Amino acid sequence: MSQKQNYIQSIRSKVGHDKIILAFAGGCIFNSKGEVLLQRRGDTDKWGFPGGAIELGETPQMAAIREAKEETGLDVKIGRIIGVYTDLDITYSSGDRAQSIVVAYELINVGGELFCDQIETKELRYFSKNNKPRLFTKSHDDLWNDIWD
């Protein structure tokens, strides 16, 4: 079990489904056509940017790089920070409630190959500005809007 799972499980064992603050990092990977990579998530079947919870002992940059590799198969380096986003009230299918804080970066592809593990990531696809799918949360919608401004 990863540190992240132990940490979140430890917190949840104390607070149950009560609302907690969770910190996430991720970002936007663009192809040569200027389209952005999204993943169809295994937990909600909705689209979103690659990213996930920051683990204990990790910086947001480290988390964004790790999550990109885990969820897309791509090796990335950190580009510019795009923004910091929040969802004030998320309720997960487990009943757990949270307020999220998401640090989003431009992620520059430096290698690897696209890969879906069929657990966290059901599908990966590049989307253009005019082809927005239904996204996972408000923070993902806000990030989408910011990258095209």
Foldseek 3Di string as FASTA:
>chain_A
DDQVVVVVVVVCVVVPQDEEEFEKEAEWEADPVRFTKWFQFQQPSFIFTFMDTAGPPGDSQRRHQVRCCVAFFFGWHFDAWQDKDWDQWDQGPVRHIYIYIYTYTHIYTDDGHGDHPCHGGVDMDTGDLVGDTDHDDPRRVVSSVSVVD
